N, C-alpha and C. Protein backbone atom coordinates (compact mmCIF):
# COMPACT_ATOMS: atom_id res chain seq x y z
N MET A 1 88.31 93.82 131.99
CA MET A 1 89.38 94.97 132.04
C MET A 1 89.37 95.68 130.82
N ILE A 2 89.48 96.99 130.86
CA ILE A 2 89.62 97.75 129.65
C ILE A 2 91.01 98.28 129.47
N ILE A 3 91.60 98.08 128.36
CA ILE A 3 92.96 98.40 127.94
C ILE A 3 92.82 99.61 126.91
N GLU A 4 93.46 100.66 127.28
CA GLU A 4 93.52 101.78 126.27
C GLU A 4 94.60 101.49 125.31
N ILE A 5 94.29 101.70 124.08
CA ILE A 5 95.28 101.40 122.92
C ILE A 5 95.43 102.70 122.07
N PRO A 6 96.50 103.35 122.24
CA PRO A 6 96.80 104.59 121.44
C PRO A 6 96.91 104.32 119.92
N PHE A 7 96.21 105.09 119.05
CA PHE A 7 96.33 104.80 117.70
C PHE A 7 96.36 106.18 117.01
N THR A 8 96.70 105.99 115.61
CA THR A 8 96.63 107.13 114.67
C THR A 8 96.02 106.83 113.59
N LYS A 9 95.27 107.66 113.02
CA LYS A 9 94.34 107.46 111.76
C LYS A 9 95.12 108.25 110.67
N ALA A 10 95.34 107.53 109.52
CA ALA A 10 96.25 108.07 108.48
C ALA A 10 95.39 107.81 107.15
N SER A 11 95.60 108.60 106.06
CA SER A 11 95.16 108.37 104.77
C SER A 11 96.24 108.64 103.76
N GLY A 12 96.21 107.75 102.82
CA GLY A 12 97.23 107.87 101.73
C GLY A 12 96.47 107.55 100.49
N ALA A 13 96.39 108.48 99.56
CA ALA A 13 95.74 108.45 98.24
C ALA A 13 94.41 107.64 98.35
N GLY A 14 93.69 108.09 99.35
CA GLY A 14 92.27 107.59 99.36
C GLY A 14 92.13 106.40 100.23
N ASN A 15 93.25 105.60 100.58
CA ASN A 15 93.12 104.50 101.59
C ASN A 15 93.24 105.06 103.02
N ASP A 16 92.42 104.56 104.00
CA ASP A 16 92.58 105.04 105.25
C ASP A 16 93.07 103.81 106.03
N PHE A 17 93.82 104.21 107.10
CA PHE A 17 94.44 103.16 107.95
C PHE A 17 94.33 103.53 109.52
N VAL A 18 94.30 102.51 110.42
CA VAL A 18 94.57 102.73 111.73
C VAL A 18 96.03 102.30 112.07
N ILE A 19 96.84 103.14 112.53
CA ILE A 19 98.19 102.79 112.80
C ILE A 19 98.41 102.61 114.36
N VAL A 20 99.03 101.54 114.67
CA VAL A 20 99.29 101.17 116.17
C VAL A 20 100.91 100.87 116.24
N ASP A 21 101.50 101.59 117.15
CA ASP A 21 102.94 101.27 117.44
C ASP A 21 102.91 100.21 118.55
N ASN A 22 103.45 99.04 118.04
CA ASN A 22 103.42 97.88 119.02
C ASN A 22 104.69 97.46 119.31
N ARG A 23 105.60 98.25 119.32
CA ARG A 23 107.08 97.94 119.77
C ARG A 23 107.07 97.31 121.20
N GLU A 24 106.15 97.83 121.95
CA GLU A 24 106.09 97.32 123.42
C GLU A 24 105.28 96.00 123.65
N LYS A 25 104.83 95.48 122.42
CA LYS A 25 104.02 94.28 122.41
C LYS A 25 102.91 94.34 123.31
N PHE A 26 102.00 95.27 123.33
CA PHE A 26 100.88 95.34 124.24
C PHE A 26 99.50 94.79 123.51
N LEU A 27 99.56 94.64 122.14
CA LEU A 27 98.36 94.13 121.40
C LEU A 27 97.95 92.89 121.76
N PRO A 28 96.81 92.52 121.62
CA PRO A 28 96.35 91.03 121.79
C PRO A 28 97.00 90.22 120.86
N ALA A 29 97.17 88.95 121.21
CA ALA A 29 97.78 87.87 120.32
C ALA A 29 96.96 87.70 119.03
N ASP A 30 95.54 87.71 119.14
CA ASP A 30 94.82 87.53 117.90
C ASP A 30 94.60 88.78 117.16
N LEU A 31 95.61 89.15 116.30
CA LEU A 31 95.57 90.34 115.64
C LEU A 31 94.54 90.37 114.38
N SER A 32 94.08 89.17 113.94
CA SER A 32 93.18 89.20 112.94
C SER A 32 91.73 89.70 113.48
N THR A 33 91.37 89.25 114.61
CA THR A 33 90.17 89.65 115.23
C THR A 33 90.21 91.09 115.62
N PHE A 34 91.39 91.60 116.17
CA PHE A 34 91.52 92.88 116.42
C PHE A 34 91.43 93.86 115.32
N ALA A 35 92.03 93.50 114.21
CA ALA A 35 91.97 94.29 112.97
C ALA A 35 90.49 94.28 112.44
N ARG A 36 89.79 93.16 112.60
CA ARG A 36 88.50 93.35 112.02
C ARG A 36 87.65 94.11 112.95
N ARG A 37 87.74 94.16 114.11
CA ARG A 37 87.10 95.09 115.07
C ARG A 37 87.41 96.50 115.00
N ILE A 38 88.62 96.78 115.03
CA ILE A 38 89.20 98.22 114.97
C ILE A 38 88.73 98.86 113.56
N CYS A 39 88.79 98.03 112.46
CA CYS A 39 88.64 98.58 111.06
C CYS A 39 87.09 98.72 110.75
N SER A 40 86.15 98.27 111.62
CA SER A 40 84.77 98.28 111.32
C SER A 40 84.25 99.69 111.32
N ARG A 41 83.70 100.17 110.27
CA ARG A 41 83.23 101.44 110.06
C ARG A 41 81.88 101.58 110.85
N HIS A 42 81.39 100.74 111.58
CA HIS A 42 80.11 100.90 112.22
C HIS A 42 80.39 100.69 113.79
N PHE A 43 81.15 99.84 114.09
CA PHE A 43 81.46 99.56 115.45
C PHE A 43 82.90 99.83 116.03
N GLY A 44 83.75 100.24 115.12
CA GLY A 44 85.21 100.50 115.38
C GLY A 44 85.49 101.96 115.03
N VAL A 45 86.79 102.05 114.79
CA VAL A 45 87.34 103.32 114.31
C VAL A 45 86.99 103.58 112.89
N GLY A 46 87.05 102.36 112.11
CA GLY A 46 86.78 102.50 110.71
C GLY A 46 88.01 102.72 109.91
N ALA A 47 88.23 101.82 108.96
CA ALA A 47 89.55 101.94 108.14
C ALA A 47 89.57 100.83 107.07
N ASP A 48 90.47 101.07 106.04
CA ASP A 48 90.66 99.94 104.99
C ASP A 48 91.57 98.88 105.50
N GLY A 49 92.36 99.31 106.64
CA GLY A 49 93.23 98.28 107.21
C GLY A 49 94.05 98.69 108.37
N LEU A 50 94.58 97.82 109.04
CA LEU A 50 95.40 98.12 110.17
C LEU A 50 96.85 98.06 109.93
N LEU A 51 97.67 99.00 110.27
CA LEU A 51 99.02 98.98 110.10
C LEU A 51 99.72 99.04 111.52
N ILE A 52 100.56 97.90 111.79
CA ILE A 52 101.18 97.70 112.95
C ILE A 52 102.76 97.92 112.84
N LEU A 53 103.25 98.93 113.61
CA LEU A 53 104.61 99.14 113.64
C LEU A 53 105.35 98.31 114.71
N ASP A 54 106.14 97.38 114.34
CA ASP A 54 106.85 96.47 115.15
C ASP A 54 108.50 96.65 115.11
N ASN A 55 109.13 95.99 116.06
CA ASN A 55 110.54 96.08 116.01
C ASN A 55 111.06 95.19 114.92
N SER A 56 112.23 95.61 114.41
CA SER A 56 112.98 94.88 113.46
C SER A 56 114.44 94.74 113.70
N SER A 57 115.02 93.54 113.47
CA SER A 57 116.58 93.56 113.63
C SER A 57 117.28 94.00 112.47
N SER A 58 116.58 94.02 111.42
CA SER A 58 117.24 94.31 110.05
C SER A 58 117.01 95.46 109.33
N ALA A 59 115.97 96.32 110.04
CA ALA A 59 115.56 97.74 109.50
C ALA A 59 115.19 98.54 110.69
N HIS A 60 114.71 99.77 110.31
CA HIS A 60 114.22 100.73 111.37
C HIS A 60 113.00 100.22 112.13
N PHE A 61 112.16 99.65 111.31
CA PHE A 61 110.93 98.90 111.93
C PHE A 61 110.44 97.80 111.08
N LYS A 62 109.31 97.08 111.56
CA LYS A 62 108.75 96.12 110.80
C LYS A 62 107.34 96.53 110.65
N MET A 63 106.78 96.36 109.39
CA MET A 63 105.48 96.57 109.11
C MET A 63 104.68 95.46 108.93
N ASN A 64 103.53 95.28 109.71
CA ASN A 64 102.60 94.31 109.71
C ASN A 64 101.17 94.93 109.26
N TYR A 65 100.70 94.33 108.07
CA TYR A 65 99.42 94.94 107.61
C TYR A 65 98.37 93.97 107.61
N TYR A 66 97.15 94.31 108.18
CA TYR A 66 95.90 93.36 108.02
C TYR A 66 94.81 94.20 107.47
N ASN A 67 94.06 93.49 106.54
CA ASN A 67 92.97 94.01 105.84
C ASN A 67 91.90 94.22 106.87
N SER A 68 90.93 94.98 106.50
CA SER A 68 89.73 95.22 107.22
C SER A 68 88.85 94.04 107.65
N ASP A 69 88.99 92.93 106.84
CA ASP A 69 88.34 91.78 107.08
C ASP A 69 88.97 90.82 108.04
N GLY A 70 90.22 91.22 108.52
CA GLY A 70 90.98 90.50 109.37
C GLY A 70 92.07 89.69 108.65
N SER A 71 92.17 89.56 107.39
CA SER A 71 93.09 88.71 106.76
C SER A 71 94.47 89.46 106.72
N TYR A 72 95.57 88.63 106.71
CA TYR A 72 96.91 89.33 106.72
C TYR A 72 97.04 89.78 105.15
N GLY A 73 97.51 91.15 105.00
CA GLY A 73 97.44 91.79 103.83
C GLY A 73 98.80 91.72 103.20
N GLY A 74 99.88 91.30 103.91
CA GLY A 74 101.16 91.45 103.24
C GLY A 74 101.65 92.91 103.08
N MET A 75 102.05 93.33 102.01
CA MET A 75 102.55 94.65 101.74
C MET A 75 101.52 95.51 101.10
N CYS A 76 101.30 96.82 101.58
CA CYS A 76 100.46 97.66 101.04
C CYS A 76 101.29 99.13 100.64
N GLY A 77 101.35 99.48 99.41
CA GLY A 77 102.11 100.63 99.14
C GLY A 77 101.60 101.94 99.84
N ASN A 78 100.40 102.14 99.89
CA ASN A 78 99.87 103.34 100.34
C ASN A 78 99.93 103.33 101.91
N GLY A 79 99.81 102.03 102.53
CA GLY A 79 100.01 101.80 103.86
C GLY A 79 101.49 102.05 104.25
N GLY A 80 102.33 101.54 103.38
CA GLY A 80 103.89 101.72 103.69
C GLY A 80 104.16 103.22 103.79
N ARG A 81 103.65 104.06 102.88
CA ARG A 81 104.01 105.50 102.91
C ARG A 81 103.44 106.08 104.11
N CYS A 82 102.07 105.68 104.56
CA CYS A 82 101.67 106.30 105.76
C CYS A 82 102.37 105.94 107.01
N LEU A 83 102.78 104.50 107.16
CA LEU A 83 103.60 104.23 108.26
C LEU A 83 104.91 104.93 108.30
N ALA A 84 105.63 105.07 107.17
CA ALA A 84 106.85 105.82 107.03
C ALA A 84 106.77 107.19 107.64
N ARG A 85 105.58 107.93 107.18
CA ARG A 85 105.28 109.24 107.57
C ARG A 85 105.05 109.33 109.14
N TYR A 86 104.30 108.29 109.63
CA TYR A 86 104.13 108.20 111.07
C TYR A 86 105.41 107.99 111.82
N ALA A 87 106.21 107.22 111.36
CA ALA A 87 107.70 106.89 112.07
C ALA A 87 108.46 108.14 112.14
N PHE A 88 108.58 108.77 110.94
CA PHE A 88 109.42 110.02 110.95
C PHE A 88 108.74 111.07 111.90
N THR A 89 107.45 111.27 111.67
CA THR A 89 106.87 112.42 112.46
C THR A 89 107.04 112.14 114.04
N ASN A 90 107.02 110.84 114.49
CA ASN A 90 107.06 110.54 115.85
C ASN A 90 108.49 110.25 116.30
N GLY A 91 109.45 110.70 115.54
CA GLY A 91 110.93 110.62 115.86
C GLY A 91 111.45 109.14 116.01
N ILE A 92 110.81 108.24 115.40
CA ILE A 92 111.08 106.73 115.35
C ILE A 92 112.21 106.52 114.42
N THR A 93 112.37 107.17 113.36
CA THR A 93 113.25 106.89 112.18
C THR A 93 113.76 108.33 111.80
N PRO A 94 114.91 108.35 111.02
CA PRO A 94 115.29 109.61 110.40
C PRO A 94 114.37 109.86 108.96
N ARG A 95 114.66 110.83 108.31
CA ARG A 95 113.85 111.25 107.20
C ARG A 95 114.04 110.09 106.14
N LYS A 96 115.17 109.47 105.88
CA LYS A 96 115.48 108.41 105.07
C LYS A 96 115.47 107.14 105.91
N MET A 97 114.61 106.11 105.66
CA MET A 97 114.44 105.13 106.55
C MET A 97 114.35 103.70 105.74
N SER A 98 114.38 102.72 106.37
CA SER A 98 114.03 101.29 105.71
C SER A 98 113.12 100.56 106.82
N PHE A 99 112.27 99.71 106.19
CA PHE A 99 111.43 98.91 106.97
C PHE A 99 111.10 97.51 106.29
N GLU A 100 110.87 96.69 107.16
CA GLU A 100 110.79 95.21 106.73
C GLU A 100 109.38 94.90 106.60
N SER A 101 109.07 94.09 105.61
CA SER A 101 107.73 93.64 105.33
C SER A 101 107.86 92.41 104.44
N LEU A 102 107.22 91.29 104.86
CA LEU A 102 107.18 90.06 103.99
C LEU A 102 108.71 89.72 103.59
N ASP A 103 109.51 89.56 104.62
CA ASP A 103 110.88 89.37 104.46
C ASP A 103 111.66 90.11 103.33
N PHE A 104 111.19 91.36 103.18
CA PHE A 104 111.84 92.19 102.14
C PHE A 104 112.18 93.66 102.75
N ILE A 105 113.18 94.17 102.56
CA ILE A 105 113.40 95.54 103.16
C ILE A 105 113.00 96.65 102.10
N TYR A 106 112.13 97.48 102.48
CA TYR A 106 111.81 98.63 101.69
C TYR A 106 112.50 99.83 102.27
N ARG A 107 112.65 100.82 101.22
CA ARG A 107 113.26 102.05 101.52
C ARG A 107 112.30 103.29 101.28
N ALA A 108 112.06 104.18 102.30
CA ALA A 108 111.31 105.32 102.18
C ALA A 108 111.99 106.62 102.44
N GLU A 109 111.43 107.73 102.01
CA GLU A 109 112.07 109.11 102.35
C GLU A 109 110.84 110.01 102.44
N VAL A 110 110.92 110.74 103.60
CA VAL A 110 109.81 111.88 103.72
C VAL A 110 110.34 113.01 103.24
N ILE A 111 109.72 113.70 102.28
CA ILE A 111 110.17 114.91 101.60
C ILE A 111 109.08 115.91 101.64
N ASP A 112 109.20 116.82 102.66
CA ASP A 112 108.16 117.78 102.99
C ASP A 112 106.90 117.11 103.24
N ASP A 113 105.79 117.32 102.51
CA ASP A 113 104.61 116.68 102.72
C ASP A 113 104.47 115.30 101.97
N LEU A 114 105.39 114.93 101.27
CA LEU A 114 105.38 113.70 100.40
C LEU A 114 106.15 112.63 101.09
N VAL A 115 105.77 111.37 100.68
CA VAL A 115 106.65 110.27 101.15
C VAL A 115 106.89 109.40 99.79
N SER A 116 108.23 109.34 99.60
CA SER A 116 108.65 108.58 98.49
C SER A 116 109.03 107.06 98.95
N LEU A 117 108.50 105.97 98.30
CA LEU A 117 108.66 104.64 98.79
C LEU A 117 109.22 103.77 97.49
N SER A 118 110.29 103.17 97.62
CA SER A 118 110.76 102.22 96.59
C SER A 118 110.10 100.86 96.91
N MET A 119 109.32 100.47 95.89
CA MET A 119 108.72 99.13 95.95
C MET A 119 109.70 98.01 95.37
N ARG A 120 109.34 96.79 95.78
CA ARG A 120 110.22 95.66 95.26
C ARG A 120 109.82 95.30 93.90
N ASP A 121 110.66 94.74 93.09
CA ASP A 121 110.26 94.50 91.59
C ASP A 121 109.08 93.41 91.63
N PRO A 122 108.16 93.71 90.79
CA PRO A 122 106.96 92.83 90.74
C PRO A 122 107.42 91.38 90.24
N SER A 123 106.72 90.36 90.52
CA SER A 123 106.94 89.04 90.05
C SER A 123 105.82 88.18 89.72
N GLY A 124 105.93 87.10 89.13
CA GLY A 124 104.94 86.17 88.92
C GLY A 124 103.76 86.60 87.90
N LEU A 125 104.32 87.48 86.96
CA LEU A 125 103.38 87.86 85.89
C LEU A 125 103.02 86.71 84.97
N ARG A 126 101.64 86.53 84.76
CA ARG A 126 101.12 85.54 83.95
C ARG A 126 99.78 85.92 83.37
N PRO A 127 99.43 85.50 82.20
CA PRO A 127 98.13 85.82 81.63
C PRO A 127 97.05 85.02 82.36
N LEU A 128 95.74 85.51 82.37
CA LEU A 128 94.76 84.78 83.02
C LEU A 128 93.57 84.56 81.88
N PRO A 129 92.90 83.70 82.09
CA PRO A 129 91.61 83.31 81.28
C PRO A 129 90.61 84.42 81.65
N THR A 130 89.94 85.03 80.65
CA THR A 130 88.90 86.05 81.07
C THR A 130 87.52 85.54 80.94
N HIS A 131 87.27 84.38 80.36
CA HIS A 131 85.91 83.97 80.00
C HIS A 131 85.07 83.93 81.29
N PRO A 132 85.66 83.47 82.52
CA PRO A 132 84.70 83.37 83.63
C PRO A 132 84.09 84.64 84.11
N TRP A 133 84.68 85.81 83.66
CA TRP A 133 84.30 87.08 84.19
C TRP A 133 83.58 87.95 83.34
N GLY A 134 83.20 87.43 82.09
CA GLY A 134 82.40 88.31 81.11
C GLY A 134 83.14 88.89 80.08
N ALA A 135 82.38 89.37 79.05
CA ALA A 135 82.96 89.97 77.83
C ALA A 135 83.57 91.43 78.08
N THR A 136 83.24 92.05 79.20
CA THR A 136 83.76 93.37 79.39
C THR A 136 85.25 93.38 79.55
N ILE A 137 85.90 92.22 79.86
CA ILE A 137 87.43 92.24 80.10
C ILE A 137 87.97 91.65 78.98
N SER A 138 88.84 92.37 78.23
CA SER A 138 89.53 91.96 77.01
C SER A 138 90.67 91.15 77.12
N LYS A 139 91.57 91.41 78.27
CA LYS A 139 92.56 90.44 78.63
C LYS A 139 92.91 90.78 80.15
N ALA A 140 93.60 89.87 80.79
CA ALA A 140 93.77 89.98 82.11
C ALA A 140 95.18 89.22 82.56
N PHE A 141 95.80 89.88 83.54
CA PHE A 141 97.01 89.24 84.02
C PHE A 141 97.12 89.24 85.65
N TYR A 142 97.90 88.34 85.93
CA TYR A 142 98.20 88.37 87.44
C TYR A 142 99.55 88.71 87.70
N ILE A 143 99.83 89.50 88.78
CA ILE A 143 101.13 90.13 89.08
C ILE A 143 101.19 90.34 90.70
N ASP A 144 102.30 89.94 91.23
CA ASP A 144 102.56 90.06 92.67
C ASP A 144 103.58 91.26 92.88
N THR A 145 103.06 92.21 93.55
CA THR A 145 103.79 93.45 93.86
C THR A 145 104.28 93.51 95.44
N GLY A 146 104.10 92.34 95.98
CA GLY A 146 104.22 92.23 97.40
C GLY A 146 102.72 91.92 98.03
N SER A 147 101.81 92.30 97.26
CA SER A 147 100.35 91.84 97.47
C SER A 147 99.82 91.43 95.86
N PRO A 148 98.97 90.41 95.99
CA PRO A 148 98.49 89.94 94.72
C PRO A 148 97.66 90.86 93.93
N HIS A 149 97.76 91.09 92.61
CA HIS A 149 96.92 92.03 91.76
C HIS A 149 96.57 91.17 90.62
N VAL A 150 95.20 91.44 90.18
CA VAL A 150 94.80 91.02 88.74
C VAL A 150 94.80 92.37 88.08
N VAL A 151 95.34 92.55 86.83
CA VAL A 151 95.20 93.73 86.06
C VAL A 151 94.26 93.45 84.95
N ALA A 152 93.15 93.92 84.84
CA ALA A 152 92.05 93.52 83.79
C ALA A 152 91.87 94.75 82.90
N PHE A 153 92.14 94.54 81.61
CA PHE A 153 91.87 95.71 80.65
C PHE A 153 90.47 95.57 80.15
N VAL A 154 89.98 96.82 80.10
CA VAL A 154 88.44 96.94 79.74
C VAL A 154 88.44 98.16 78.79
N ALA A 155 87.21 98.22 78.08
CA ALA A 155 87.14 99.38 77.01
C ALA A 155 86.81 100.53 77.73
N GLY A 156 86.14 100.54 78.88
CA GLY A 156 85.69 101.95 79.57
C GLY A 156 85.55 101.56 81.06
N VAL A 157 86.42 102.09 81.89
CA VAL A 157 86.36 101.82 83.31
C VAL A 157 85.19 102.52 83.92
N LYS A 158 84.61 103.54 83.34
CA LYS A 158 83.53 104.28 84.03
C LYS A 158 82.31 103.25 84.04
N ASP A 159 82.25 102.41 82.92
CA ASP A 159 81.10 101.49 82.92
C ASP A 159 81.20 100.15 83.78
N ILE A 160 82.32 100.01 84.36
CA ILE A 160 82.48 98.72 85.10
C ILE A 160 81.87 98.90 86.47
N ALA A 161 81.17 97.69 86.86
CA ALA A 161 80.54 97.53 88.12
C ALA A 161 81.83 97.07 89.09
N VAL A 162 82.53 98.11 89.66
CA VAL A 162 83.81 97.64 90.25
C VAL A 162 83.43 96.78 91.51
N ALA A 163 82.51 97.10 92.27
CA ALA A 163 82.15 96.34 93.56
C ALA A 163 81.85 94.87 93.20
N SER A 164 80.83 94.59 92.24
CA SER A 164 80.33 93.36 92.03
C SER A 164 81.31 92.51 91.13
N LEU A 165 81.86 93.05 90.06
CA LEU A 165 82.70 92.26 89.27
C LEU A 165 84.12 92.12 90.00
N GLY A 166 84.67 93.16 90.77
CA GLY A 166 85.83 93.01 91.55
C GLY A 166 85.71 91.99 92.64
N SER A 167 84.54 91.96 93.17
CA SER A 167 84.35 90.80 94.33
C SER A 167 84.41 89.44 93.66
N ARG A 168 83.73 89.36 92.48
CA ARG A 168 83.76 87.94 91.83
C ARG A 168 85.18 87.45 91.44
N ILE A 169 86.07 88.40 91.07
CA ILE A 169 87.38 88.04 90.70
C ILE A 169 88.21 87.86 91.95
N ARG A 170 87.90 88.74 92.94
CA ARG A 170 88.79 88.54 94.30
C ARG A 170 88.57 87.22 94.82
N HIS A 171 87.30 86.69 94.82
CA HIS A 171 86.74 85.57 95.49
C HIS A 171 87.01 84.15 94.59
N ASP A 172 87.52 84.43 93.31
CA ASP A 172 87.61 83.33 92.29
C ASP A 172 88.59 82.36 92.98
N SER A 173 88.41 81.10 92.74
CA SER A 173 89.10 79.90 93.22
C SER A 173 90.61 80.03 92.87
N LEU A 174 90.69 80.65 91.64
CA LEU A 174 92.22 80.81 91.24
C LEU A 174 92.98 81.46 92.28
N PHE A 175 92.48 82.29 93.19
CA PHE A 175 93.38 83.07 94.08
C PHE A 175 93.00 82.69 95.53
N ALA A 176 92.37 81.57 95.60
CA ALA A 176 92.14 81.18 97.08
C ALA A 176 93.54 80.70 97.71
N PRO A 177 93.59 80.84 99.03
CA PRO A 177 92.49 81.41 99.98
C PRO A 177 92.61 82.93 100.08
N SER A 178 93.67 83.56 99.67
CA SER A 178 93.95 84.85 100.21
C SER A 178 93.21 85.95 99.39
N GLY A 179 92.71 85.53 98.12
CA GLY A 179 92.17 86.60 97.30
C GLY A 179 93.06 87.43 96.71
N THR A 180 92.54 88.51 95.82
CA THR A 180 93.48 89.30 95.20
C THR A 180 92.79 90.76 95.01
N ASN A 181 93.77 91.62 94.83
CA ASN A 181 93.14 93.08 94.46
C ASN A 181 92.90 92.94 92.96
N VAL A 182 92.11 93.79 92.48
CA VAL A 182 91.69 93.85 90.96
C VAL A 182 91.86 95.23 90.60
N ASN A 183 92.73 95.46 89.48
CA ASN A 183 92.71 96.81 88.89
C ASN A 183 92.11 96.70 87.42
N PHE A 184 91.03 97.48 87.34
CA PHE A 184 90.40 97.55 85.91
C PHE A 184 91.20 98.86 85.21
N VAL A 185 91.70 98.53 83.98
CA VAL A 185 92.41 99.49 83.33
C VAL A 185 91.91 99.65 81.90
N GLU A 186 91.91 101.03 81.68
CA GLU A 186 91.37 101.42 80.29
C GLU A 186 92.61 102.13 79.73
N VAL A 187 93.12 101.74 78.51
CA VAL A 187 94.18 102.36 77.83
C VAL A 187 93.57 103.65 77.09
N MET A 188 94.19 104.84 77.57
CA MET A 188 93.73 106.13 76.89
C MET A 188 94.55 106.53 75.77
N SER A 189 95.79 106.24 75.87
CA SER A 189 96.90 106.62 74.78
C SER A 189 98.06 105.80 74.99
N ASN A 190 99.16 105.99 74.31
CA ASN A 190 100.30 105.35 74.45
C ASN A 190 101.02 105.61 75.75
N ASN A 191 100.77 106.64 76.54
CA ASN A 191 101.34 106.95 77.80
C ASN A 191 100.20 107.35 78.89
N SER A 192 98.97 106.89 78.62
CA SER A 192 98.10 107.39 79.66
C SER A 192 97.06 106.19 79.77
N LEU A 193 96.84 105.96 81.09
CA LEU A 193 95.87 104.89 81.49
C LEU A 193 94.83 105.52 82.45
N ARG A 194 93.60 104.81 82.49
CA ARG A 194 92.64 105.25 83.49
C ARG A 194 92.34 104.00 84.19
N LEU A 195 92.29 104.11 85.50
CA LEU A 195 92.42 102.99 86.49
C LEU A 195 91.35 103.06 87.58
N ARG A 196 90.64 101.91 87.89
CA ARG A 196 89.71 101.85 88.91
C ARG A 196 90.19 100.56 89.64
N THR A 197 90.09 100.56 91.05
CA THR A 197 90.60 99.49 91.77
C THR A 197 89.64 98.85 92.82
N TYR A 198 89.50 97.52 92.89
CA TYR A 198 88.88 96.80 93.89
C TYR A 198 89.78 96.29 94.87
N GLU A 199 89.89 96.66 96.04
CA GLU A 199 90.80 96.01 97.02
C GLU A 199 90.22 94.88 97.98
N ARG A 200 90.95 93.79 98.05
CA ARG A 200 90.41 92.76 98.80
C ARG A 200 90.23 93.12 100.32
């Protein structure tokens, strides 16, 4: 049996997503497998992740986010902005809205072509050992912004092999089983940073 699933493709700051309005609960029960298939860039629609808009009893809607490998992604800032724009554009919410994700209520506002999103305060900041990942990282920290992040300070982000080193850190046993995003940061001045990101 073939089931047609309406979807929207969205992009926010370079991240692309497949959005599905699932308030009528028509998606398959195994959302992990569905996300992996639909996000495949060779056999599916192709995306960094799947954003599912669900009903919520405490906000305008609930956001469920799955990474392209099928793992549950928790909160994604760019994804939240895309889903807020989708909800407003399709008359699901007013311009100022709230949505639920990971037992937290986020607030967003659509302003012309922009979407403003207030994030939860980060938590769990702690220093990390850098020796397992090589001398290119001078210091590193873990922080949870609604999804896990390693912030690794380096002398020059242009010279970092983001894919290979980011993958090593993402799969380090320190962050098992869910893994982590990795931000490579170069301090340019007192108020300027250069950043490259590996997303899990």
